[in-house]
Amino acid sequence: MLLDKKDGLRMLALAAAALALGLGANFLGRDRLPLLRPLAPEPAAELPPAIGEVDADFVATVRTAPGTLLLDARAGEAFRAGHIPGALSLPLGEFSRAFAALEPRLRQAGLLVAYCSDRTCGDSPELARRLWAQGLKNLLLFKGGMEEWTEKGHEVER
């Protein structure tokens, strides 16, 4: 069955109206799709100013000090594949459960040092923010993580 010119124009008008309504709803909506503009990146949450950043040499110096706990924010598989000796696994993806299990030790620690895989990994800064929100203020961030640790030739525990 062939459409006549009149039916074709009606279909075209209907499609144009649907497109205009969809674009208008997208433009006015709260969660817009990036049709004609790039998606704006979500701003990264700032770390509290009291959370300092440390390097691998500092971590190597303090890791065995009484009261110091190193916290590996990576997933359990990555932790089991290799971590800084003596570190505890506190995977960001399992924060609620892992935090509850470790909370007494964390609250007794004199210093907590959070780390993950490397400088681009956002898990350790987020772990530090969550620990801060739980009232743990004795925090440092080892942003270079396992990459910097191994580049410096430090021992890895498996």
C-alpha atoms as a PDB file:
ATOM      1  CA  MET A   1       0.000   0.000   0.000  1.00  0.00           C
ATOM      2  CA  LEU A   2       1.394   3.345  -1.009  1.00  0.00           C
ATOM      3  CA  LEU A   3       0.852   6.517   0.936  1.00  0.00           C
ATOM      4  CA  ASP A   4      -0.380   9.562  -0.834  1.00  0.00           C
ATOM      5  CA  LYS A   5       1.334  12.911  -0.527  1.00  0.00           C
ATOM      6  CA  LYS A   6      -1.152  14.152   2.083  1.00  0.00           C
ATOM      7  CA  ASP A   7      -0.536  11.167   4.422  1.00  0.00           C
ATOM      8  CA  GLY A   8       3.244  11.528   3.995  1.00  0.00           C
ATOM      9  CA  LEU A   9       3.092  15.173   5.004  1.00  0.00           C
ATOM     10  CA  ARG A  10       0.968  14.334   8.054  1.00  0.00           C
ATOM     11  CA  MET A  11       3.515  11.721   9.153  1.00  0.00           C
ATOM     12  CA  LEU A  12       6.349  14.172   8.632  1.00  0.00           C
ATOM     13  CA  ALA A  13       4.510  16.849  10.635  1.00  0.00           C
ATOM     14  CA  LEU A  14       3.803  14.370  13.423  1.00  0.00           C
ATOM     15  CA  ALA A  15       7.474  13.320  13.558  1.00  0.00           C
ATOM     16  CA  ALA A  16       8.598  16.966  13.605  1.00  0.00           C
ATOM     17  CA  ALA A  17       6.173  17.754  16.438  1.00  0.00           C
ATOM     18  CA  ALA A  18       7.404  14.734  18.437  1.00  0.00           C
ATOM     19  CA  LEU A  19      11.024  15.791  17.916  1.00  0.00           C
ATOM     20  CA  ALA A  20      10.251  19.376  18.993  1.00  0.00           C
ATOM     21  CA  LEU A  21       8.434  18.179  22.121  1.00  0.00           C
ATOM     22  CA  GLY A  22      11.265  15.773  23.011  1.00  0.00           C
ATOM     23  CA  LEU A  23      13.965  18.424  22.560  1.00  0.00           C
ATOM     24  CA  GLY A  24      11.903  20.924  24.551  1.00  0.00           C
ATOM     25  CA  ALA A  25      11.389  18.460  27.406  1.00  0.00           C
ATOM     26  CA  ASN A  26      15.117  17.669  27.400  1.00  0.00           C
ATOM     27  CA  PHE A  27      16.037  21.355  27.449  1.00  0.00           C
ATOM     28  CA  LEU A  28      13.663  22.145  30.316  1.00  0.00           C
ATOM     29  CA  GLY A  29      14.275  18.930  32.283  1.00  0.00           C
ATOM     30  CA  ARG A  30      16.516  18.601  35.328  1.00  0.00           C
ATOM     31  CA  ASP A  31      18.533  15.602  34.060  1.00  0.00           C
ATOM     32  CA  ARG A  32      19.310  16.752  30.529  1.00  0.00           C
ATOM     33  CA  LEU A  33      20.835  14.589  27.844  1.00  0.00           C
ATOM     34  CA  PRO A  34      23.909  16.181  26.216  1.00  0.00           C
ATOM     35  CA  LEU A  35      22.449  16.479  22.723  1.00  0.00           C
ATOM     36  CA  LEU A  36      23.962  19.767  21.616  1.00  0.00           C
ATOM     37  CA  ARG A  37      26.457  20.390  24.401  1.00  0.00           C
ATOM     38  CA  PRO A  38      28.983  18.262  26.292  1.00  0.00           C
ATOM     39  CA  LEU A  39      28.056  16.828  29.660  1.00  0.00           C
ATOM     40  CA  ALA A  40      29.537  18.972  32.398  1.00  0.00           C
ATOM     41  CA  PRO A  41      31.767  16.851  34.635  1.00  0.00           C
ATOM     42  CA  GLU A  42      30.591  16.524  38.195  1.00  0.00           C
ATOM     43  CA  PRO A  43      32.880  18.485  40.460  1.00  0.00           C
ATOM     44  CA  ALA A  44      35.010  16.232  42.632  1.00  0.00           C
ATOM     45  CA  ALA A  45      34.261  16.589  46.284  1.00  0.00           C
ATOM     46  CA  GLU A  46      37.030  18.426  48.051  1.00  0.00           C
ATOM     47  CA  LEU A  47      38.996  16.692  50.761  1.00  0.00           C
ATOM     48  CA  PRO A  48      38.837  18.334  54.158  1.00  0.00           C
ATOM     49  CA  PRO A  49      41.935  20.553  54.427  1.00  0.00           C
ATOM     50  CA  ALA A  50      43.158  18.623  57.477  1.00  0.00           C
ATOM     51  CA  ILE A  51      43.720  15.475  55.384  1.00  0.00           C
ATOM     52  CA  GLY A  52      47.298  15.756  54.189  1.00  0.00           C
ATOM     53  CA  GLU A  53      48.907  13.899  51.318  1.00  0.00           C
ATOM     54  CA  VAL A  54      51.999  11.742  51.829  1.00  0.00           C
ATOM     55  CA  ASP A  55      54.397   9.831  49.582  1.00  0.00           C
ATOM     56  CA  ALA A  56      55.764   6.282  49.532  1.00  0.00           C
ATOM     57  CA  ASP A  57      58.862   7.167  51.550  1.00  0.00           C
ATOM     58  CA  PHE A  58      56.736   8.613  54.345  1.00  0.00           C
ATOM     59  CA  VAL A  59      54.481   5.536  54.319  1.00  0.00           C
ATOM     60  CA  ALA A  60      57.536   3.253  54.470  1.00  0.00           C
ATOM     61  CA  THR A  61      58.737   5.167  57.524  1.00  0.00           C
ATOM     62  CA  VAL A  62      55.466   5.175  59.491  1.00  0.00           C
ATOM     63  CA  ARG A  63      53.810   1.909  58.414  1.00  0.00           C
ATOM     64  CA  THR A  64      55.266  -0.115  61.310  1.00  0.00           C
ATOM     65  CA  ALA A  65      54.877   2.611  63.928  1.00  0.00           C
ATOM     66  CA  PRO A  66      52.558   1.693  66.812  1.00  0.00           C
ATOM     67  CA  GLY A  67      49.069   3.011  66.215  1.00  0.00           C
ATOM     68  CA  THR A  68      49.452   3.406  62.446  1.00  0.00           C
ATOM     69  CA  LEU A  69      46.998   1.620  60.165  1.00  0.00           C
ATOM     70  CA  LEU A  70      47.291   1.534  56.382  1.00  0.00           C
ATOM     71  CA  LEU A  71      43.936   1.188  54.647  1.00  0.00           C
ATOM     72  CA  ASP A  72      43.739  -0.258  51.134  1.00  0.00           C
ATOM     73  CA  ALA A  73      40.632   1.122  49.387  1.00  0.00           C
ATOM     74  CA  ARG A  74      40.901  -1.247  46.392  1.00  0.00           C
ATOM     75  CA  ALA A  75      38.603  -4.198  45.781  1.00  0.00           C
ATOM     76  CA  GLY A  76      39.380  -7.414  47.660  1.00  0.00           C
ATOM     77  CA  GLU A  77      40.840  -9.147  44.583  1.00  0.00           C
ATOM     78  CA  ALA A  78      43.384  -6.358  44.082  1.00  0.00           C
ATOM     79  CA  PHE A  79      44.263  -6.419  47.786  1.00  0.00           C
ATOM     80  CA  ARG A  80      44.846 -10.195  47.703  1.00  0.00           C
ATOM     81  CA  ALA A  81      47.005  -9.834  44.565  1.00  0.00           C
ATOM     82  CA  GLY A  82      49.398  -7.588  46.491  1.00  0.00           C
ATOM     83  CA  HIS A  83      49.312  -4.813  49.072  1.00  0.00           C
ATOM     84  CA  ILE A  84      51.569  -2.823  51.357  1.00  0.00           C
ATOM     85  CA  PRO A  85      52.693  -5.139  54.178  1.00  0.00           C
ATOM     86  CA  GLY A  86      50.468  -4.815  57.215  1.00  0.00           C
ATOM     87  CA  ALA A  87      47.705  -2.929  55.376  1.00  0.00           C
ATOM     88  CA  LEU A  88      44.055  -3.652  56.078  1.00  0.00           C
ATOM     89  CA  SER A  89      41.535  -4.111  53.292  1.00  0.00           C
ATOM     90  CA  LEU A  90      38.750  -1.508  53.453  1.00  0.00           C
ATOM     91  CA  PRO A  91      37.296  -1.644  49.942  1.00  0.00           C
ATOM     92  CA  LEU A  92      35.299   1.427  49.045  1.00  0.00           C
ATOM     93  CA  GLY A  93      32.693  -0.746  47.306  1.00  0.00           C
ATOM     94  CA  GLU A  94      32.016  -2.576  50.575  1.00  0.00           C
ATOM     95  CA  PHE A  95      32.489   0.376  52.901  1.00  0.00           C
ATOM     96  CA  SER A  96      29.506  -0.148  55.214  1.00  0.00           C
ATOM     97  CA  ARG A  97      30.257  -3.796  55.962  1.00  0.00           C
ATOM     98  CA  ALA A  98      34.045  -3.429  56.089  1.00  0.00           C
ATOM     99  CA  PHE A  99      33.910  -0.279  58.212  1.00  0.00           C
ATOM    100  CA  ALA A 100      31.624  -1.949  60.756  1.00  0.00           C
ATOM    101  CA  ALA A 101      34.065  -4.849  61.092  1.00  0.00           C
ATOM    102  CA  LEU A 102      37.126  -2.589  61.461  1.00  0.00           C
ATOM    103  CA  GLU A 103      35.607   0.331  63.363  1.00  0.00           C
ATOM    104  CA  PRO A 104      37.019  -0.503  66.823  1.00  0.00           C
ATOM    105  CA  ARG A 105      40.564  -0.779  65.418  1.00  0.00           C
ATOM    106  CA  LEU A 106      40.158   2.369  63.337  1.00  0.00           C
ATOM    107  CA  ARG A 107      38.975   4.401  66.322  1.00  0.00           C
ATOM    108  CA  GLN A 108      41.949   3.230  68.419  1.00  0.00           C
ATOM    109  CA  ALA A 109      44.527   4.039  65.734  1.00  0.00           C
ATOM    110  CA  GLY A 110      46.736   7.059  66.120  1.00  0.00           C
ATOM    111  CA  LEU A 111      47.146   7.499  62.350  1.00  0.00           C
ATOM    112  CA  LEU A 112      45.175   6.207  59.359  1.00  0.00           C
ATOM    113  CA  VAL A 113      46.715   6.236  55.881  1.00  0.00           C
ATOM    114  CA  ALA A 114      44.373   5.522  52.945  1.00  0.00           C
ATOM    115  CA  TYR A 115      45.649   4.393  49.552  1.00  0.00           C
ATOM    116  CA  CYS A 116      44.532   2.643  46.365  1.00  0.00           C
ATOM    117  CA  SER A 117      46.158   1.805  43.036  1.00  0.00           C
ATOM    118  CA  ASP A 118      47.642   5.088  41.766  1.00  0.00           C
ATOM    119  CA  ARG A 119      47.219   8.865  41.512  1.00  0.00           C
ATOM    120  CA  THR A 120      44.248   8.526  39.148  1.00  0.00           C
ATOM    121  CA  CYS A 121      42.318   6.224  41.492  1.00  0.00           C
ATOM    122  CA  GLY A 122      39.535   8.089  43.258  1.00  0.00           C
ATOM    123  CA  ASP A 123      38.823   5.373  45.818  1.00  0.00           C
ATOM    124  CA  SER A 124      41.322   6.454  48.470  1.00  0.00           C
ATOM    125  CA  PRO A 125      40.222  10.120  48.523  1.00  0.00           C
ATOM    126  CA  GLU A 126      36.600   8.969  48.752  1.00  0.00           C
ATOM    127  CA  LEU A 127      37.516   6.507  51.516  1.00  0.00           C
ATOM    128  CA  ALA A 128      39.217   9.339  53.402  1.00  0.00           C
ATOM    129  CA  ARG A 129      36.091  11.524  53.009  1.00  0.00           C
ATOM    130  CA  ARG A 130      33.869   8.722  54.338  1.00  0.00           C
ATOM    131  CA  LEU A 131      36.149   8.043  57.285  1.00  0.00           C
ATOM    132  CA  TRP A 132      36.214  11.775  58.049  1.00  0.00           C
ATOM    133  CA  ALA A 133      32.410  11.790  57.976  1.00  0.00           C
ATOM    134  CA  GLN A 134      32.471   8.946  60.525  1.00  0.00           C
ATOM    135  CA  GLY A 135      34.446  11.171  62.890  1.00  0.00           C
ATOM    136  CA  LEU A 136      37.935   9.800  62.173  1.00  0.00           C
ATOM    137  CA  LYS A 137      40.126  12.867  61.818  1.00  0.00           C
ATOM    138  CA  ASN A 138      43.635  11.361  62.087  1.00  0.00           C
ATOM    139  CA  LEU A 139      43.823  10.729  58.329  1.00  0.00           C
ATOM    140  CA  LEU A 140      46.466  10.982  55.653  1.00  0.00           C
ATOM    141  CA  LEU A 141      46.153  10.190  51.949  1.00  0.00           C
ATOM    142  CA  PHE A 142      48.821   8.233  50.075  1.00  0.00           C
ATOM    143  CA  LYS A 143      47.620   9.210  46.622  1.00  0.00           C
ATOM    144  CA  GLY A 144      50.440   7.486  44.694  1.00  0.00           C
ATOM    145  CA  GLY A 145      49.204   4.157  46.041  1.00  0.00           C
ATOM    146  CA  MET A 146      50.503   0.781  44.954  1.00  0.00           C
ATOM    147  CA  GLU A 147      51.993   2.156  41.749  1.00  0.00           C
ATOM    148  CA  GLU A 148      54.294   4.566  43.599  1.00  0.00           C
ATOM    149  CA  TRP A 149      54.972   1.969  46.314  1.00  0.00           C
ATOM    150  CA  THR A 150      56.242  -0.620  43.816  1.00  0.00           C
ATOM    151  CA  GLU A 151      58.082   1.971  41.667  1.00  0.00           C
ATOM    152  CA  LYS A 152      60.108   2.863  44.784  1.00  0.00           C
ATOM    153  CA  GLY A 153      60.989  -0.818  45.185  1.00  0.00           C
ATOM    154  CA  HIS A 154      59.168  -1.381  48.458  1.00  0.00           C
ATOM    155  CA  GLU A 155      58.060  -4.844  49.540  1.00  0.00           C
ATOM    156  CA  VAL A 156      54.612  -6.138  48.563  1.00  0.00           C
ATOM    157  CA  GLU A 157      52.671  -8.609  50.691  1.00  0.00           C
ATOM    158  CA  ARG A 158      50.460 -11.267  49.100  1.00  0.00           C
END
